[in-house]
Amino acid sequence: MTDAEIFGYTKRLGEILKLPPSEQRDQRLTNFMSDLKEAYDIPSGVDQMRDFEWRHSSVMIFYRCAEDAMTFERG
């Protein structure tokens, strides 16, 4: 992840997190996470995810932050 990418994702996530908890905010967080998955090919398997998270911690910091900010019921 380049410095420019870090700056862009930081700015985008910060703008989303300024919104009050709502369906719109959650949808924007979901889109943010989807964009990260697509851009960095984040795996869905548990074992693969552990390895990816270890090798790409900066990407996963953004992903986990967005995930933790979700307010709707996840099942």
PDB file of N, CA and C in Angstrom:
ATOM      1  N   MET A   1       0.859  -1.166   0.000  1.00  0.00           N
ATOM      2  CA  MET A   1       0.000   0.000   0.000  1.00  0.00           C
ATOM      3  C   MET A   1       0.906   1.229   0.000  1.00  0.00           C
ATOM      4  N   THR A   2       0.672   2.101  -0.956  1.00  0.00           N
ATOM      5  CA  THR A   2       1.499   3.295  -1.074  1.00  0.00           C
ATOM      6  C   THR A   2       1.023   4.385  -0.106  1.00  0.00           C
ATOM      7  N   ASP A   3       1.867   5.386   0.084  1.00  0.00           N
ATOM      8  CA  ASP A   3       1.483   6.516   0.935  1.00  0.00           C
ATOM      9  C   ASP A   3       0.240   7.216   0.399  1.00  0.00           C
ATOM     10  N   ALA A   4       0.143   7.341  -0.912  1.00  0.00           N
ATOM     11  CA  ALA A   4      -1.024   7.986  -1.523  1.00  0.00           C
ATOM     12  C   ALA A   4      -2.296   7.182  -1.260  1.00  0.00           C
ATOM     13  N   GLU A   5      -2.185   5.860  -1.330  1.00  0.00           N
ATOM     14  CA  GLU A   5      -3.340   5.007  -1.050  1.00  0.00           C
ATOM     15  C   GLU A   5      -3.747   5.125   0.418  1.00  0.00           C
ATOM     16  N   ILE A   6      -2.770   5.119   1.306  1.00  0.00           N
ATOM     17  CA  ILE A   6      -3.055   5.268   2.733  1.00  0.00           C
ATOM     18  C   ILE A   6      -3.768   6.593   2.983  1.00  0.00           C
ATOM     19  N   PHE A   7      -3.271   7.657   2.390  1.00  0.00           N
ATOM     20  CA  PHE A   7      -3.902   8.968   2.548  1.00  0.00           C
ATOM     21  C   PHE A   7      -5.339   8.946   2.030  1.00  0.00           C
ATOM     22  N   GLY A   8      -5.534   8.385   0.846  1.00  0.00           N
ATOM     23  CA  GLY A   8      -6.877   8.334   0.252  1.00  0.00           C
ATOM     24  C   GLY A   8      -7.854   7.530   1.083  1.00  0.00           C
ATOM     25  N   TYR A   9      -7.431   6.356   1.551  1.00  0.00           N
ATOM     26  CA  TYR A   9      -8.314   5.527   2.370  1.00  0.00           C
ATOM     27  C   TYR A   9      -8.570   6.168   3.731  1.00  0.00           C
ATOM     28  N   THR A  10      -7.560   6.815   4.297  1.00  0.00           N
ATOM     29  CA  THR A  10      -7.748   7.504   5.577  1.00  0.00           C
ATOM     30  C   THR A  10      -8.781   8.614   5.434  1.00  0.00           C
ATOM     31  N   LYS A  11      -8.660   9.385   4.377  1.00  0.00           N
ATOM     32  CA  LYS A  11      -9.601  10.486   4.142  1.00  0.00           C
ATOM     33  C   LYS A  11     -11.013   9.946   3.913  1.00  0.00           C
ATOM     34  N   ARG A  12     -11.131   8.934   3.072  1.00  0.00           N
ATOM     35  CA  ARG A  12     -12.451   8.371   2.770  1.00  0.00           C
ATOM     36  C   ARG A  12     -13.109   7.780   4.010  1.00  0.00           C
ATOM     37  N   LEU A  13     -12.363   6.989   4.769  1.00  0.00           N
ATOM     38  CA  LEU A  13     -12.931   6.375   5.967  1.00  0.00           C
ATOM     39  C   LEU A  13     -13.291   7.441   6.992  1.00  0.00           C
ATOM     40  N   GLY A  14     -12.452   8.449   7.137  1.00  0.00           N
ATOM     41  CA  GLY A  14     -12.741   9.536   8.068  1.00  0.00           C
ATOM     42  C   GLY A  14     -14.035  10.251   7.727  1.00  0.00           C
ATOM     43  N   GLU A  15     -14.271  10.478   6.438  1.00  0.00           N
ATOM     44  CA  GLU A  15     -15.512  11.132   6.010  1.00  0.00           C
ATOM     45  C   GLU A  15     -16.729  10.273   6.327  1.00  0.00           C
ATOM     46  N   ILE A  16     -16.594   8.980   6.129  1.00  0.00           N
ATOM     47  CA  ILE A  16     -17.703   8.069   6.436  1.00  0.00           C
ATOM     48  C   ILE A  16     -17.985   8.058   7.937  1.00  0.00           C
ATOM     49  N   LEU A  17     -16.933   7.999   8.739  1.00  0.00           N
ATOM     50  CA  LEU A  17     -17.109   7.896  10.186  1.00  0.00           C
ATOM     51  C   LEU A  17     -17.654   9.175  10.817  1.00  0.00           C
ATOM     52  N   LYS A  18     -17.609  10.283  10.103  1.00  0.00           N
ATOM     53  CA  LYS A  18     -18.203  11.528  10.594  1.00  0.00           C
ATOM     54  C   LYS A  18     -19.732  11.478  10.544  1.00  0.00           C
ATOM     55  N   LEU A  19     -20.266  10.591   9.713  1.00  0.00           N
ATOM     56  CA  LEU A  19     -21.715  10.466   9.601  1.00  0.00           C
ATOM     57  C   LEU A  19     -22.275   9.815  10.865  1.00  0.00           C
ATOM     58  N   PRO A  20     -23.494  10.186  11.264  1.00  0.00           N
ATOM     59  CA  PRO A  20     -24.102   9.507  12.407  1.00  0.00           C
ATOM     60  C   PRO A  20     -24.442   8.065  12.021  1.00  0.00           C
ATOM     61  N   PRO A  21     -24.470   7.167  12.995  1.00  0.00           N
ATOM     62  CA  PRO A  21     -24.842   5.782  12.686  1.00  0.00           C
ATOM     63  C   PRO A  21     -26.178   5.741  11.951  1.00  0.00           C
ATOM     64  N   SER A  22     -26.189   5.071  10.808  1.00  0.00           N
ATOM     65  CA  SER A  22     -27.393   4.993   9.986  1.00  0.00           C
ATOM     66  C   SER A  22     -27.184   3.917   8.927  1.00  0.00           C
ATOM     67  N   GLU A  23     -28.268   3.595   8.218  1.00  0.00           N
ATOM     68  CA  GLU A  23     -28.155   2.639   7.121  1.00  0.00           C
ATOM     69  C   GLU A  23     -27.232   3.183   6.032  1.00  0.00           C
ATOM     70  N   GLN A  24     -27.296   4.501   5.785  1.00  0.00           N
ATOM     71  CA  GLN A  24     -26.441   5.109   4.764  1.00  0.00           C
ATOM     72  C   GLN A  24     -24.965   4.958   5.136  1.00  0.00           C
ATOM     73  N   ARG A  25     -24.654   5.222   6.393  1.00  0.00           N
ATOM     74  CA  ARG A  25     -23.260   5.078   6.835  1.00  0.00           C
ATOM     75  C   ARG A  25     -22.810   3.626   6.698  1.00  0.00           C
ATOM     76  N   ASP A  26     -23.651   2.684   7.129  1.00  0.00           N
ATOM     77  CA  ASP A  26     -23.298   1.272   7.019  1.00  0.00           C
ATOM     78  C   ASP A  26     -23.111   0.858   5.560  1.00  0.00           C
ATOM     79  N   GLN A  27     -23.944   1.393   4.668  1.00  0.00           N
ATOM     80  CA  GLN A  27     -23.805   1.067   3.250  1.00  0.00           C
ATOM     81  C   GLN A  27     -22.485   1.604   2.709  1.00  0.00           C
ATOM     82  N   ARG A  28     -22.129   2.802   3.121  1.00  0.00           N
ATOM     83  CA  ARG A  28     -20.854   3.370   2.677  1.00  0.00           C
ATOM     84  C   ARG A  28     -19.674   2.574   3.245  1.00  0.00           C
ATOM     85  N   LEU A  29     -19.791   2.110   4.481  1.00  0.00           N
ATOM     86  CA  LEU A  29     -18.741   1.262   5.069  1.00  0.00           C
ATOM     87  C   LEU A  29     -18.633  -0.053   4.309  1.00  0.00           C
ATOM     88  N   THR A  30     -19.777  -0.626   3.958  1.00  0.00           N
ATOM     89  CA  THR A  30     -19.794  -1.866   3.182  1.00  0.00           C
ATOM     90  C   THR A  30     -19.116  -1.662   1.830  1.00  0.00           C
ATOM     91  N   ASN A  31     -19.413  -0.549   1.170  1.00  0.00           N
ATOM     92  CA  ASN A  31     -18.778  -0.245  -0.118  1.00  0.00           C
ATOM     93  C   ASN A  31     -17.273  -0.065   0.042  1.00  0.00           C
ATOM     94  N   PHE A  32     -16.870   0.601   1.118  1.00  0.00           N
ATOM     95  CA  PHE A  32     -15.448   0.809   1.413  1.00  0.00           C
ATOM     96  C   PHE A  32     -14.742  -0.539   1.566  1.00  0.00           C
ATOM     97  N   MET A  33     -15.356  -1.440   2.338  1.00  0.00           N
ATOM     98  CA  MET A  33     -14.771  -2.762   2.551  1.00  0.00           C
ATOM     99  C   MET A  33     -14.718  -3.555   1.242  1.00  0.00           C
ATOM    100  N   SER A  34     -15.753  -3.452   0.436  1.00  0.00           N
ATOM    101  CA  SER A  34     -15.773  -4.143  -0.865  1.00  0.00           C
ATOM    102  C   SER A  34     -14.672  -3.622  -1.775  1.00  0.00           C
ATOM    103  N   ASP A  35     -14.461  -2.317  -1.760  1.00  0.00           N
ATOM    104  CA  ASP A  35     -13.394  -1.735  -2.570  1.00  0.00           C
ATOM    105  C   ASP A  35     -12.023  -2.244  -2.122  1.00  0.00           C
ATOM    106  N   LEU A  36     -11.824  -2.356  -0.811  1.00  0.00           N
ATOM    107  CA  LEU A  36     -10.560  -2.901  -0.302  1.00  0.00           C
ATOM    108  C   LEU A  36     -10.389  -4.356  -0.727  1.00  0.00           C
ATOM    109  N   LYS A  37     -11.464  -5.155  -0.611  1.00  0.00           N
ATOM    110  CA  LYS A  37     -11.400  -6.564  -1.006  1.00  0.00           C
ATOM    111  C   LYS A  37     -10.999  -6.699  -2.471  1.00  0.00           C
ATOM    112  N   GLU A  38     -11.601  -5.873  -3.311  1.00  0.00           N
ATOM    113  CA  GLU A  38     -11.317  -5.943  -4.740  1.00  0.00           C
ATOM    114  C   GLU A  38      -9.903  -5.446  -5.060  1.00  0.00           C
ATOM    115  N   ALA A  39      -9.521  -4.334  -4.466  1.00  0.00           N
ATOM    116  CA  ALA A  39      -8.218  -3.731  -4.770  1.00  0.00           C
ATOM    117  C   ALA A  39      -7.051  -4.588  -4.290  1.00  0.00           C
ATOM    118  N   TYR A  40      -7.226  -5.263  -3.160  1.00  0.00           N
ATOM    119  CA  TYR A  40      -6.102  -6.001  -2.565  1.00  0.00           C
ATOM    120  C   TYR A  40      -6.328  -7.504  -2.527  1.00  0.00           C
ATOM    121  N   ASP A  41      -7.405  -7.963  -3.161  1.00  0.00           N
ATOM    122  CA  ASP A  41      -7.693  -9.395  -3.252  1.00  0.00           C
ATOM    123  C   ASP A  41      -7.688 -10.053  -1.868  1.00  0.00           C
ATOM    124  N   ILE A  42      -8.448  -9.453  -0.942  1.00  0.00           N
ATOM    125  CA  ILE A  42      -8.543  -9.980   0.421  1.00  0.00           C
ATOM    126  C   ILE A  42      -9.287 -11.312   0.371  1.00  0.00           C
ATOM    127  N   PRO A  43      -8.693 -12.375   0.910  1.00  0.00           N
ATOM    128  CA  PRO A  43      -9.331 -13.699   0.861  1.00  0.00           C
ATOM    129  C   PRO A  43     -10.465 -13.807   1.882  1.00  0.00           C
ATOM    130  N   SER A  44     -11.310 -14.802   1.702  1.00  0.00           N
ATOM    131  CA  SER A  44     -12.413 -15.006   2.642  1.00  0.00           C
ATOM    132  C   SER A  44     -12.178 -16.180   3.586  1.00  0.00           C
ATOM    133  N   GLY A  45     -11.288 -17.090   3.251  1.00  0.00           N
ATOM    134  CA  GLY A  45     -10.999 -18.239   4.112  1.00  0.00           C
ATOM    135  C   GLY A  45     -10.224 -17.842   5.353  1.00  0.00           C
ATOM    136  N   VAL A  46     -10.528 -18.495   6.469  1.00  0.00           N
ATOM    137  CA  VAL A  46      -9.910 -18.154   7.758  1.00  0.00           C
ATOM    138  C   VAL A  46      -8.391 -18.299   7.714  1.00  0.00           C
ATOM    139  N   ASP A  47      -7.901 -19.430   7.248  1.00  0.00           N
ATOM    140  CA  ASP A  47      -6.449 -19.652   7.209  1.00  0.00           C
ATOM    141  C   ASP A  47      -5.763 -18.668   6.260  1.00  0.00           C
ATOM    142  N   GLN A  48      -6.366 -18.447   5.104  1.00  0.00           N
ATOM    143  CA  GLN A  48      -5.793 -17.508   4.136  1.00  0.00           C
ATOM    144  C   GLN A  48      -5.845 -16.086   4.690  1.00  0.00           C
ATOM    145  N   MET A  49      -6.917 -15.780   5.420  1.00  0.00           N
ATOM    146  CA  MET A  49      -7.078 -14.440   5.985  1.00  0.00           C
ATOM    147  C   MET A  49      -5.985 -14.152   7.009  1.00  0.00           C
ATOM    148  N   ARG A  50      -5.658 -15.122   7.842  1.00  0.00           N
ATOM    149  CA  ARG A  50      -4.590 -14.925   8.849  1.00  0.00           C
ATOM    150  C   ARG A  50      -3.269 -14.578   8.173  1.00  0.00           C
ATOM    151  N   ASP A  51      -2.935 -15.327   7.139  1.00  0.00           N
ATOM    152  CA  ASP A  51      -1.688 -15.079   6.421  1.00  0.00           C
ATOM    153  C   ASP A  51      -1.726 -13.717   5.735  1.00  0.00           C
ATOM    154  N   PHE A  52      -2.844 -13.402   5.093  1.00  0.00           N
ATOM    155  CA  PHE A  52      -2.977 -12.112   4.423  1.00  0.00           C
ATOM    156  C   PHE A  52      -2.858 -10.976   5.430  1.00  0.00           C
ATOM    157  N   GLU A  53      -3.542 -11.112   6.555  1.00  0.00           N
ATOM    158  CA  GLU A  53      -3.528 -10.064   7.577  1.00  0.00           C
ATOM    159  C   GLU A  53      -2.109  -9.834   8.111  1.00  0.00           C
ATOM    160  N   TRP A  54      -1.348 -10.890   8.243  1.00  0.00           N
ATOM    161  CA  TRP A  54       0.025 -10.765   8.716  1.00  0.00           C
ATOM    162  C   TRP A  54       0.889 -10.035   7.685  1.00  0.00           C
ATOM    163  N   ARG A  55       0.695 -10.361   6.404  1.00  0.00           N
ATOM    164  CA  ARG A  55       1.512  -9.770   5.337  1.00  0.00           C
ATOM    165  C   ARG A  55       1.059  -8.379   4.914  1.00  0.00           C
ATOM    166  N   HIS A  56      -0.226  -8.064   5.137  1.00  0.00           N
ATOM    167  CA  HIS A  56      -0.794  -6.792   4.671  1.00  0.00           C
ATOM    168  C   HIS A  56      -1.543  -6.093   5.804  1.00  0.00           C
ATOM    169  N   SER A  57      -0.837  -5.864   6.882  1.00  0.00           N
ATOM    170  CA  SER A  57      -1.488  -5.308   8.075  1.00  0.00           C
ATOM    171  C   SER A  57      -2.086  -3.921   7.833  1.00  0.00           C
ATOM    172  N   SER A  58      -1.463  -3.103   7.000  1.00  0.00           N
ATOM    173  CA  SER A  58      -2.001  -1.760   6.762  1.00  0.00           C
ATOM    174  C   SER A  58      -3.360  -1.816   6.064  1.00  0.00           C
ATOM    175  N   VAL A  59      -3.533  -2.743   5.135  1.00  0.00           N
ATOM    176  CA  VAL A  59      -4.827  -2.910   4.464  1.00  0.00           C
ATOM    177  C   VAL A  59      -5.871  -3.363   5.478  1.00  0.00           C
ATOM    178  N   MET A  60      -5.481  -4.307   6.308  1.00  0.00           N
ATOM    179  CA  MET A  60      -6.438  -4.884   7.246  1.00  0.00           C
ATOM    180  C   MET A  60      -6.812  -3.925   8.374  1.00  0.00           C
ATOM    181  N   ILE A  61      -5.963  -2.979   8.689  1.00  0.00           N
ATOM    182  CA  ILE A  61      -6.329  -1.965   9.676  1.00  0.00           C
ATOM    183  C   ILE A  61      -7.541  -1.192   9.175  1.00  0.00           C
ATOM    184  N   PHE A  62      -7.525  -0.791   7.921  1.00  0.00           N
ATOM    185  CA  PHE A  62      -8.671  -0.088   7.339  1.00  0.00           C
ATOM    186  C   PHE A  62      -9.910  -0.986   7.318  1.00  0.00           C
ATOM    187  N   TYR A  63      -9.719  -2.227   6.894  1.00  0.00           N
ATOM    188  CA  TYR A  63     -10.832  -3.164   6.774  1.00  0.00           C
ATOM    189  C   TYR A  63     -11.478  -3.415   8.143  1.00  0.00           C
ATOM    190  N   ARG A  64     -10.669  -3.695   9.149  1.00  0.00           N
ATOM    191  CA  ARG A  64     -11.194  -3.979  10.496  1.00  0.00           C
ATOM    192  C   ARG A  64     -11.843  -2.744  11.129  1.00  0.00           C
ATOM    193  N   CYS A  65     -11.285  -1.585  10.882  1.00  0.00           N
ATOM    194  CA  CYS A  65     -11.861  -0.351  11.409  1.00  0.00           C
ATOM    195  C   CYS A  65     -13.262  -0.144  10.838  1.00  0.00           C
ATOM    196  N   ALA A  66     -13.407  -0.330   9.533  1.00  0.00           N
ATOM    197  CA  ALA A  66     -14.715  -0.195   8.890  1.00  0.00           C
ATOM    198  C   ALA A  66     -15.681  -1.253   9.405  1.00  0.00           C
ATOM    199  N   GLU A  67     -15.199  -2.462   9.544  1.00  0.00           N
ATOM    200  CA  GLU A  67     -16.023  -3.562  10.036  1.00  0.00           C
ATOM    201  C   GLU A  67     -16.523  -3.270  11.460  1.00  0.00           C
ATOM    202  N   ASP A  68     -15.644  -2.783  12.305  1.00  0.00           N
ATOM    203  CA  ASP A  68     -16.008  -2.497  13.691  1.00  0.00           C
ATOM    204  C   ASP A  68     -16.956  -1.309  13.810  1.00  0.00           C
ATOM    205  N   ALA A  69     -16.963  -0.417  12.820  1.00  0.00           N
ATOM    206  CA  ALA A  69     -17.822   0.772  12.862  1.00  0.00           C
ATOM    207  C   ALA A  69     -19.247   0.486  12.410  1.00  0.00           C
ATOM    208  N   MET A  70     -19.488  -0.688  11.870  1.00  0.00           N
ATOM    209  CA  MET A  70     -20.831  -1.040  11.431  1.00  0.00           C
ATOM    210  C   MET A  70     -21.798  -1.028  12.627  1.00  0.00           C
ATOM    211  N   THR A  71     -23.019  -0.592  12.382  1.00  0.00           N
ATOM    212  CA  THR A  71     -23.993  -0.529  13.468  1.00  0.00           C
ATOM    213  C   THR A  71     -25.193  -1.441  13.277  1.00  0.00           C
ATOM    214  N   PHE A  72     -25.386  -1.953  12.065  1.00  0.00           N
ATOM    215  CA  PHE A  72     -26.552  -2.820  11.863  1.00  0.00           C
ATOM    216  C   PHE A  72     -26.267  -4.214  12.398  1.00  0.00           C
ATOM    217  N   GLU A  73     -27.331  -4.976  12.576  1.00  0.00           N
ATOM    218  CA  GLU A  73     -27.191  -6.357  13.057  1.00  0.00           C
ATOM    219  C   GLU A  73     -26.550  -7.208  11.981  1.00  0.00           C
ATOM    220  N   ARG A  74     -25.454  -7.852  12.340  1.00  0.00           N
ATOM    221  CA  ARG A  74     -24.787  -8.777  11.427  1.00  0.00           C
ATOM    222  C   ARG A  74     -25.059 -10.181  11.920  1.00  0.00           C
ATOM    223  N   GLY A  75     -25.466 -11.048  11.025  1.00  0.00           N
ATOM    224  CA  GLY A  75     -25.783 -12.382  11.470  1.00  0.00           C
ATOM    225  C   GLY A  75     -25.059 -13.460  10.763  1.00  0.00           C
TER     226      GLY A  75
END
